Amino acid sequence: MIYLKLIKESLLFALNALRTNKLRTLLSLLGVTVGIFSIIAVLAAVDSMDKGIRKDLAGMDNSMLNIFQYSFSPTDVPKWKIEQFPDMKYDEYDYLKRNVASIDRISFNYFTNSQNIKSEFATANDVSISPCSFDYQYIDNIKVEKGRFFNESEDASGSSVIVLGYEIAEVLFPNVNPIGQTVRLYGKRFDVIGVLEKQGSSSFGQSKDLQVFIPSNFLRQYYGENSNYLTPVIVAKPKKGFDSDIFKDDITLKLRTFRGLKPSDIDNFFLNEFAGLTQFIDNIVGSLNLVGWIISAFSLLVGGFGIANIMFVSVKERTHIIGIQKALGAKNHFILYQFLFEAVILSFIGGLVGVVLVYLIAIVVTSLSSFEFVLSFTNVIIGLSLASFIGLISGILPALSASKLDPVEAIRSGM
């Protein structure tokens, strides 16, 4: 009970000192506020980005493979050698489809340039075109709200049919049912056979609301096999429960055989596993967090020095009072606690202000943009704990110097 009373009295002394010197308290808060604001803002932004990316990727299978000449993640193969790798061919897609028993779904896709799409009502500019095979709807979990996705026959023949993303359909056909209408793309007329469900904003890649899907065979016939406008990629998904390593080995073996590679030759293609992309994203997020901590640490360091400096000034100003307290029987630890509490409370308030500022910015950013900025409870605890720790470290030396003052000398110095 004696120690609890001692802590209470020390706390009251500290609060009274902060109230007495309002301007000095405010100036001391700024350094810690900026430091905590910097750290929590970076952590919250990175967490929000990470959460958004994982939400966008949640519908896709981790075992899905993107097979083409480039790698999604860092590789030991020199860039000049990668540039010499051949493009994927439709014959290779057809060969894998017929000869790899472990494949559940497989699609022949193209990465290509954005295009303008016209209807009789409006024009949609710079639309993302996604040429693919009919199986891609099952690989990428594509959900159609109106109409349907193109079938295997339309895919094989390269029919001029199109499935519109939700927002593209809204632009091209305001207040009109798009199904059965026609649009103009690549100088050809396309029949609209489907409209996708609304997906919303996307943190990774592009939202399907802003995409359109057409049979990849249409572009293969339109541009030919060797076109600078197209980058072909084979997307494959294994059967449920099938071992991913065996699946990759099967595809690698078949593709090497089809391309006539010797045992001493390296693979002239990459199997980009979705799980590997997730790991790559984790590495990026970790690096961003680390950079944020390093940058914010300098702000915290400045804030800590500011508090330490103010506490030394406070000790000097109250030397006479400290001497009187000691003369009346105050122990060293009472004086120590008094100044430590003052430093910790000062720093904690600064951290609290920093957290509140991040929270307000999160509300504004979320309301004014499509990016969902989230301040998690964990980050709040990190910020407040770190602020308290900085206050404790910054206040140790001033508090020790105050507790070791000789009462007679302390009283004399104030006279």
Protein backbone atom coordinates (compact mmCIF):
# COMPACT_ATOMS: atom_id res chain seq x y z
CA MET A 1 0.00 0.00 0.00
CA ILE A 2 2.88 2.34 0.77
CA TYR A 3 4.37 1.80 -2.69
CA LEU A 4 0.99 2.25 -4.38
CA LYS A 5 0.54 5.52 -2.52
CA LEU A 6 4.06 6.52 -3.53
CA ILE A 7 3.32 5.81 -7.20
CA LYS A 8 0.05 7.76 -6.96
CA GLU A 9 1.78 10.78 -5.43
CA SER A 10 4.53 10.64 -8.04
CA LEU A 11 1.94 10.50 -10.80
CA LEU A 12 0.09 13.52 -9.40
CA PHE A 13 3.34 15.50 -9.16
CA ALA A 14 4.13 14.65 -12.79
CA LEU A 15 0.66 15.66 -14.06
CA ASN A 16 0.81 18.92 -12.12
CA ALA A 17 4.23 19.72 -13.63
CA LEU A 18 2.89 19.11 -17.16
CA ARG A 19 -0.13 21.35 -16.52
CA THR A 20 2.06 24.12 -15.12
CA ASN A 21 4.30 24.24 -18.21
CA LYS A 22 1.75 23.92 -21.02
CA LEU A 23 3.85 25.48 -23.81
CA ARG A 24 6.92 23.43 -22.97
CA THR A 25 4.77 20.30 -22.79
CA LEU A 26 3.28 21.05 -26.22
CA LEU A 27 6.68 21.57 -27.81
CA SER A 28 7.96 18.35 -26.25
CA LEU A 29 4.99 16.44 -27.65
CA LEU A 30 5.74 17.39 -31.24
CA GLY A 31 8.86 15.26 -31.64
CA VAL A 32 7.24 12.09 -30.30
CA THR A 33 4.01 12.80 -32.19
CA VAL A 34 5.86 13.05 -35.51
CA GLY A 35 7.85 9.86 -34.81
CA ILE A 36 4.86 7.76 -33.76
CA PHE A 37 2.77 9.21 -36.59
CA SER A 38 5.45 8.21 -39.12
CA ILE A 39 5.76 4.64 -37.86
CA ILE A 40 2.03 3.96 -37.47
CA ALA A 41 1.19 5.61 -40.79
CA VAL A 42 3.73 3.41 -42.61
CA LEU A 43 2.65 0.23 -40.79
CA ALA A 44 -1.04 0.97 -41.39
CA ALA A 45 -0.48 1.78 -45.07
CA VAL A 46 1.55 -1.38 -45.68
CA ASP A 47 -0.95 -3.51 -43.73
CA SER A 48 -3.84 -2.01 -45.70
CA MET A 49 -2.06 -2.65 -49.00
CA ASP A 50 -1.24 -6.22 -47.96
CA LYS A 51 -4.82 -6.85 -46.86
CA GLY A 52 -6.19 -5.46 -50.14
CA ILE A 53 -3.83 -7.58 -52.24
CA ARG A 54 -4.70 -10.77 -50.36
CA LYS A 55 -8.40 -10.01 -50.69
CA ASP A 56 -8.01 -9.61 -54.46
CA LEU A 57 -6.02 -12.83 -54.75
CA ALA A 58 -8.23 -14.88 -52.43
CA GLY A 59 -10.35 -16.29 -55.26
CA MET A 60 -7.38 -17.75 -57.13
CA ASP A 61 -5.81 -21.15 -56.57
CA ASN A 62 -2.28 -21.11 -55.10
CA SER A 63 -1.34 -24.09 -57.24
CA MET A 64 -2.17 -22.31 -60.50
CA LEU A 65 0.75 -21.97 -62.91
CA ASN A 66 1.50 -19.21 -65.41
CA ILE A 67 3.80 -20.74 -68.01
CA PHE A 68 5.71 -18.42 -70.33
CA GLN A 69 9.16 -17.03 -71.04
CA TYR A 70 9.38 -14.61 -68.10
CA SER A 71 9.59 -15.10 -64.34
CA PHE A 72 7.34 -13.30 -61.84
CA SER A 73 10.05 -13.50 -59.16
CA PRO A 74 13.84 -12.92 -59.15
CA THR A 75 15.82 -15.55 -61.10
CA ASP A 76 19.46 -16.51 -61.68
CA VAL A 77 18.93 -16.70 -65.44
CA PRO A 78 20.47 -13.61 -67.12
CA LYS A 79 18.08 -11.15 -68.71
CA TRP A 80 19.78 -11.44 -72.12
CA LYS A 81 19.20 -15.18 -72.09
CA ILE A 82 15.55 -14.80 -71.08
CA GLU A 83 15.02 -12.46 -74.04
CA GLN A 84 16.07 -15.34 -76.31
CA PHE A 85 13.48 -17.75 -74.91
CA PRO A 86 10.71 -18.58 -77.41
CA ASP A 87 7.10 -17.52 -76.89
CA MET A 88 4.54 -20.08 -75.83
CA LYS A 89 2.65 -21.58 -78.78
CA TYR A 90 -0.93 -22.69 -79.14
CA ASP A 91 0.34 -26.13 -80.21
CA GLU A 92 2.12 -26.41 -76.85
CA TYR A 93 -1.10 -25.51 -75.04
CA ASP A 94 -2.96 -28.16 -77.03
CA TYR A 95 -0.21 -30.73 -76.39
CA LEU A 96 -0.21 -30.14 -72.63
CA LYS A 97 -3.99 -30.26 -72.53
CA ARG A 98 -4.03 -33.68 -74.19
CA ASN A 99 -0.96 -35.24 -72.52
CA VAL A 100 -0.76 -34.07 -68.90
CA ALA A 101 -3.30 -36.11 -66.97
CA SER A 102 -2.91 -34.07 -63.79
CA ILE A 103 -4.29 -30.90 -65.42
CA ASP A 104 -7.78 -29.96 -64.29
CA ARG A 105 -8.16 -26.72 -66.27
CA ILE A 106 -5.86 -25.05 -68.79
CA SER A 107 -6.14 -21.82 -70.76
CA PHE A 108 -4.21 -20.13 -73.56
CA ASN A 109 -4.06 -16.41 -72.73
CA TYR A 110 -2.47 -13.28 -74.10
CA PHE A 111 -1.06 -10.20 -72.42
CA THR A 112 -1.87 -7.39 -74.83
CA ASN A 113 -2.35 -3.62 -75.10
CA SER A 114 -5.43 -1.73 -73.96
CA GLN A 115 -7.95 -0.77 -76.64
CA ASN A 116 -10.91 1.56 -77.15
CA ILE A 117 -14.32 -0.10 -77.39
CA LYS A 118 -17.28 1.58 -79.06
CA SER A 119 -20.99 0.95 -78.84
CA GLU A 120 -23.80 2.91 -80.45
CA PHE A 121 -24.20 4.81 -77.18
CA ALA A 122 -20.66 5.58 -75.97
CA THR A 123 -16.94 4.82 -76.14
CA ALA A 124 -14.83 3.25 -73.40
CA ASN A 125 -11.17 4.26 -73.64
CA ASP A 126 -8.06 2.27 -72.68
CA VAL A 127 -9.96 -0.87 -71.77
CA SER A 128 -7.93 -3.84 -70.52
CA ILE A 129 -8.38 -6.71 -72.99
CA SER A 130 -8.10 -10.26 -71.59
CA PRO A 131 -7.94 -12.85 -74.39
CA CYS A 132 -8.27 -16.35 -72.93
CA SER A 133 -9.68 -19.85 -73.43
CA PHE A 134 -13.11 -20.81 -72.13
CA ASP A 135 -11.56 -22.76 -69.21
CA TYR A 136 -10.15 -19.55 -67.74
CA GLN A 137 -13.51 -18.72 -66.17
CA TYR A 138 -12.98 -21.64 -63.78
CA ILE A 139 -9.30 -20.90 -63.12
CA ASP A 140 -9.81 -17.23 -62.24
CA ASN A 141 -13.17 -17.70 -60.54
CA ILE A 142 -14.94 -15.39 -63.00
CA LYS A 143 -18.57 -14.77 -62.03
CA VAL A 144 -21.08 -13.73 -64.70
CA GLU A 145 -24.07 -11.66 -63.61
CA LYS A 146 -25.90 -11.43 -66.94
CA GLY A 147 -25.69 -13.78 -69.90
CA ARG A 148 -22.83 -16.26 -70.00
CA PHE A 149 -19.12 -16.78 -70.69
CA PHE A 150 -18.08 -17.99 -74.13
CA ASN A 151 -18.11 -21.78 -74.62
CA GLU A 152 -15.52 -24.22 -75.99
CA SER A 153 -16.88 -24.07 -79.54
CA GLU A 154 -16.74 -20.26 -79.65
CA ASP A 155 -13.25 -20.39 -78.17
CA ALA A 156 -11.94 -22.93 -80.67
CA SER A 157 -13.37 -21.08 -83.69
CA GLY A 158 -12.21 -17.65 -82.47
CA SER A 159 -15.72 -16.23 -82.55
CA SER A 160 -16.13 -12.47 -82.17
CA VAL A 161 -17.97 -12.64 -78.85
CA ILE A 162 -17.19 -10.57 -75.77
CA VAL A 163 -17.86 -10.60 -72.03
CA LEU A 164 -17.84 -7.14 -70.43
CA GLY A 165 -16.69 -6.08 -66.98
CA TYR A 166 -19.37 -4.40 -64.87
CA GLU A 167 -18.12 -0.80 -65.22
CA ILE A 168 -17.33 -1.18 -68.93
CA ALA A 169 -20.90 -2.38 -69.50
CA GLU A 170 -22.22 0.63 -67.54
CA VAL A 171 -20.20 3.02 -69.73
CA LEU A 172 -21.03 1.42 -73.08
CA PHE A 173 -24.70 0.69 -72.38
CA PRO A 174 -26.17 3.21 -69.92
CA ASN A 175 -29.68 2.12 -68.90
CA VAL A 176 -29.66 -0.53 -71.64
CA ASN A 177 -29.38 -4.32 -71.32
CA PRO A 178 -26.00 -5.13 -72.96
CA ILE A 179 -26.82 -8.75 -73.75
CA GLY A 180 -27.41 -9.16 -77.48
CA GLN A 181 -25.92 -5.75 -78.28
CA THR A 182 -22.78 -5.28 -80.38
CA VAL A 183 -19.56 -3.35 -79.78
CA ARG A 184 -16.68 -2.47 -82.06
CA LEU A 185 -13.17 -3.68 -81.17
CA TYR A 186 -10.10 -4.26 -83.40
CA GLY A 187 -12.21 -2.92 -86.27
CA LYS A 188 -14.64 -5.85 -85.87
CA ARG A 189 -18.12 -6.21 -84.45
CA PHE A 190 -18.37 -8.28 -81.28
CA ASP A 191 -21.57 -9.72 -79.87
CA VAL A 192 -21.99 -9.06 -76.14
CA ILE A 193 -22.88 -12.38 -74.54
CA GLY A 194 -22.16 -11.66 -70.85
CA VAL A 195 -21.56 -9.08 -68.13
CA LEU A 196 -19.53 -9.88 -65.02
CA GLU A 197 -20.59 -9.35 -61.44
CA LYS A 198 -19.35 -6.14 -59.84
CA GLN A 199 -16.01 -6.79 -58.17
CA GLY A 200 -15.05 -3.39 -56.82
CA SER A 201 -11.61 -1.83 -56.60
CA SER A 202 -8.52 -3.99 -56.78
CA SER A 203 -5.19 -3.43 -54.97
CA PHE A 204 -3.33 -5.93 -57.11
CA GLY A 205 -3.52 -5.95 -60.87
CA GLN A 206 -6.70 -4.56 -62.44
CA SER A 207 -10.26 -4.99 -61.33
CA LYS A 208 -12.39 -7.22 -63.55
CA ASP A 209 -14.91 -4.37 -63.61
CA LEU A 210 -12.56 -2.63 -66.05
CA GLN A 211 -11.74 -5.68 -68.17
CA VAL A 212 -13.32 -7.46 -71.10
CA PHE A 213 -12.81 -11.10 -72.07
CA ILE A 214 -12.64 -12.41 -75.62
CA PRO A 215 -11.55 -15.79 -77.09
CA SER A 216 -7.75 -15.87 -77.43
CA ASN A 217 -8.13 -17.67 -80.76
CA PHE A 218 -9.71 -14.54 -82.20
CA LEU A 219 -6.47 -12.59 -81.64
CA ARG A 220 -4.36 -15.55 -82.73
CA GLN A 221 -6.16 -15.52 -86.07
CA TYR A 222 -6.21 -11.71 -86.24
CA TYR A 223 -2.50 -11.08 -85.52
CA GLY A 224 -0.98 -14.48 -86.28
CA GLU A 225 1.30 -16.62 -84.12
CA ASN A 226 4.27 -14.22 -84.04
CA SER A 227 3.10 -10.75 -83.12
CA ASN A 228 4.85 -8.02 -81.15
CA TYR A 229 1.44 -6.94 -79.82
CA LEU A 230 0.86 -10.21 -77.98
CA THR A 231 2.63 -12.07 -75.17
CA PRO A 232 1.21 -15.59 -74.96
CA VAL A 233 0.95 -17.41 -71.62
CA ILE A 234 -0.43 -20.82 -70.69
CA VAL A 235 -2.37 -20.90 -67.41
CA ALA A 236 -2.84 -24.34 -65.86
CA LYS A 237 -4.53 -25.61 -62.73
CA PRO A 238 -3.96 -29.10 -61.28
CA LYS A 239 -6.63 -31.52 -60.21
CA LYS A 240 -7.82 -31.10 -56.65
CA GLY A 241 -5.50 -32.70 -54.11
CA PHE A 242 -2.74 -33.31 -56.65
CA ASP A 243 0.80 -32.64 -55.42
CA SER A 244 1.97 -29.30 -56.86
CA ASP A 245 5.61 -30.40 -57.22
CA ILE A 246 4.63 -33.50 -59.22
CA PHE A 247 2.29 -31.31 -61.29
CA LYS A 248 5.16 -28.92 -62.13
CA ASP A 249 7.48 -31.83 -62.91
CA ASP A 250 4.89 -33.34 -65.30
CA ILE A 251 4.47 -30.08 -67.19
CA THR A 252 8.22 -29.40 -67.28
CA LEU A 253 8.97 -32.87 -68.65
CA LYS A 254 6.26 -32.68 -71.34
CA LEU A 255 7.22 -29.16 -72.42
CA ARG A 256 10.93 -29.98 -72.57
CA THR A 257 10.13 -33.05 -74.67
CA PHE A 258 7.89 -31.04 -77.01
CA ARG A 259 10.60 -28.40 -77.48
CA GLY A 260 13.33 -31.01 -77.99
CA LEU A 261 15.57 -29.75 -75.19
CA LYS A 262 18.65 -31.81 -74.32
CA PRO A 263 19.30 -32.95 -70.72
CA SER A 264 22.12 -30.40 -70.48
CA ASP A 265 19.89 -27.54 -71.67
CA ILE A 266 18.21 -25.29 -69.12
CA ASP A 267 14.45 -24.76 -69.23
CA ASN A 268 13.64 -22.02 -71.74
CA PHE A 269 10.38 -21.21 -69.95
CA PHE A 270 9.24 -20.46 -66.40
CA LEU A 271 6.55 -22.07 -64.29
CA ASN A 272 5.30 -19.16 -62.22
CA GLU A 273 3.43 -20.64 -59.31
CA PHE A 274 0.83 -18.49 -57.62
CA ALA A 275 2.20 -19.44 -54.20
CA GLY A 276 5.56 -18.06 -55.29
CA LEU A 277 3.91 -14.77 -56.20
CA THR A 278 2.35 -14.65 -52.73
CA GLN A 279 5.76 -15.20 -51.16
CA PHE A 280 7.22 -12.47 -53.37
CA ILE A 281 4.51 -10.08 -52.13
CA ASP A 282 5.35 -11.05 -48.52
CA ASN A 283 8.98 -10.12 -49.15
CA ILE A 284 7.98 -6.74 -50.60
CA VAL A 285 5.69 -6.02 -47.65
CA GLY A 286 8.45 -6.98 -45.21
CA SER A 287 10.92 -4.68 -46.99
CA LEU A 288 8.46 -1.77 -46.93
CA ASN A 289 7.89 -2.27 -43.21
CA LEU A 290 11.64 -2.34 -42.57
CA VAL A 291 12.23 0.87 -44.55
CA GLY A 292 9.35 2.51 -42.69
CA TRP A 293 10.83 1.56 -39.31
CA ILE A 294 14.28 2.86 -40.28
CA ILE A 295 12.97 6.21 -41.51
CA SER A 296 10.63 6.64 -38.54
CA ALA A 297 13.37 5.70 -36.06
CA PHE A 298 15.16 8.97 -36.84
CA SER A 299 12.01 10.93 -35.99
CA LEU A 300 11.64 9.01 -32.74
CA LEU A 301 15.30 9.62 -31.92
CA VAL A 302 14.79 13.36 -32.31
CA GLY A 303 11.63 13.16 -30.18
CA GLY A 304 13.48 11.22 -27.49
CA PHE A 305 16.29 13.79 -27.36
CA GLY A 306 13.68 16.54 -27.13
CA ILE A 307 12.02 14.91 -24.12
CA ALA A 308 15.36 14.26 -22.43
CA ASN A 309 16.35 17.90 -22.94
CA ILE A 310 13.06 19.20 -21.52
CA MET A 311 13.35 16.87 -18.54
CA PHE A 312 16.84 18.14 -17.74
CA VAL A 313 15.49 21.70 -17.88
CA SER A 314 12.62 20.63 -15.63
CA VAL A 315 15.04 19.12 -13.10
CA LYS A 316 17.10 22.30 -13.04
CA GLU A 317 14.00 24.49 -12.57
CA ARG A 318 12.70 22.36 -9.70
CA THR A 319 16.02 21.76 -7.92
CA HIS A 320 14.86 23.89 -4.97
CA ILE A 321 11.59 21.92 -4.70
CA ILE A 322 13.45 18.62 -4.92
CA GLY A 323 15.71 19.74 -2.06
CA ILE A 324 12.69 20.63 0.09
CA GLN A 325 11.02 17.30 -0.69
CA LYS A 326 14.15 15.41 0.30
CA ALA A 327 14.55 17.51 3.45
CA LEU A 328 10.99 16.53 4.41
CA GLY A 329 11.84 12.85 4.00
CA ALA A 330 11.19 12.06 0.33
CA LYS A 331 13.22 9.04 -0.74
CA ASN A 332 15.34 8.86 -3.88
CA HIS A 333 12.92 6.50 -5.60
CA PHE A 334 10.04 8.95 -5.01
CA ILE A 335 11.94 11.67 -6.89
CA LEU A 336 12.97 9.11 -9.54
CA TYR A 337 9.38 7.97 -10.10
CA GLN A 338 8.16 11.55 -10.21
CA PHE A 339 10.34 12.50 -13.19
CA LEU A 340 10.04 9.12 -14.90
CA PHE A 341 6.25 9.36 -14.81
CA GLU A 342 6.44 12.87 -16.22
CA ALA A 343 8.60 11.72 -19.14
CA VAL A 344 6.46 8.62 -19.85
CA ILE A 345 3.17 10.53 -19.66
CA LEU A 346 4.55 13.25 -21.89
CA SER A 347 5.70 10.72 -24.47
CA PHE A 348 2.50 8.66 -24.20
CA ILE A 349 0.35 11.71 -24.92
CA GLY A 350 2.53 12.50 -27.93
CA GLY A 351 2.09 8.93 -29.17
CA LEU A 352 -1.67 9.13 -28.61
CA VAL A 353 -1.87 12.32 -30.67
CA GLY A 354 0.14 10.61 -33.44
CA VAL A 355 -2.22 7.62 -33.46
CA VAL A 356 -5.29 9.90 -33.57
CA LEU A 357 -3.82 11.77 -36.54
CA VAL A 358 -3.27 8.48 -38.42
CA TYR A 359 -6.85 7.44 -37.60
CA LEU A 360 -8.24 10.72 -38.98
CA ILE A 361 -6.13 10.40 -42.13
CA ALA A 362 -7.34 6.79 -42.54
CA ILE A 363 -10.96 7.97 -42.46
CA VAL A 364 -10.31 10.73 -45.00
CA VAL A 365 -8.31 8.52 -47.40
CA THR A 366 -10.88 5.70 -47.26
CA SER A 367 -13.79 8.09 -47.89
CA LEU A 368 -12.12 10.01 -50.74
CA SER A 369 -10.51 7.09 -52.61
CA SER A 370 -11.04 3.44 -53.42
CA PHE A 371 -8.11 2.46 -51.18
CA GLU A 372 -9.25 1.06 -47.83
CA PHE A 373 -6.84 2.51 -45.26
CA VAL A 374 -7.16 0.49 -42.05
CA LEU A 375 -5.62 1.32 -38.66
CA SER A 376 -5.52 -1.99 -36.79
CA PHE A 377 -5.68 -2.38 -33.00
CA THR A 378 -2.26 -4.06 -33.11
CA ASN A 379 -0.69 -0.98 -34.69
CA VAL A 380 -2.32 1.26 -32.08
CA ILE A 381 -0.82 -0.87 -29.29
CA ILE A 382 2.58 -0.83 -31.03
CA GLY A 383 2.48 2.97 -31.30
CA LEU A 384 1.47 3.64 -27.70
CA SER A 385 3.89 1.06 -26.30
CA LEU A 386 6.73 2.47 -28.35
CA ALA A 387 5.90 6.01 -27.22
CA SER A 388 5.91 4.94 -23.58
CA PHE A 389 9.22 3.13 -24.05
CA ILE A 390 10.80 6.21 -25.65
CA GLY A 391 9.59 8.31 -22.72
CA LEU A 392 11.03 5.84 -20.24
CA ILE A 393 14.43 5.75 -21.94
CA SER A 394 14.53 9.52 -22.40
CA GLY A 395 13.58 10.18 -18.78
CA ILE A 396 16.00 7.80 -17.05
CA LEU A 397 19.07 10.09 -16.97
CA PRO A 398 17.18 13.25 -15.90
CA ALA A 399 15.28 11.26 -13.24
CA LEU A 400 18.49 9.68 -11.90
CA SER A 401 20.22 13.07 -11.74
CA ALA A 402 17.23 14.48 -9.81
CA SER A 403 17.06 11.56 -7.37
CA LYS A 404 20.77 11.84 -6.50
CA LEU A 405 20.69 15.56 -5.64
CA ASP A 406 21.95 16.46 -2.19
CA PRO A 407 19.06 18.14 -0.32
CA VAL A 408 21.23 20.88 1.23
CA GLU A 409 22.89 21.77 -2.09
CA ALA A 410 19.54 21.60 -3.89
CA ILE A 411 17.88 24.03 -1.48
CA ARG A 412 20.89 26.35 -1.54
CA SER A 413 20.94 26.45 -5.37
CA GLY A 414 17.40 27.75 -5.43
CA MET A 415 18.00 30.58 -2.98
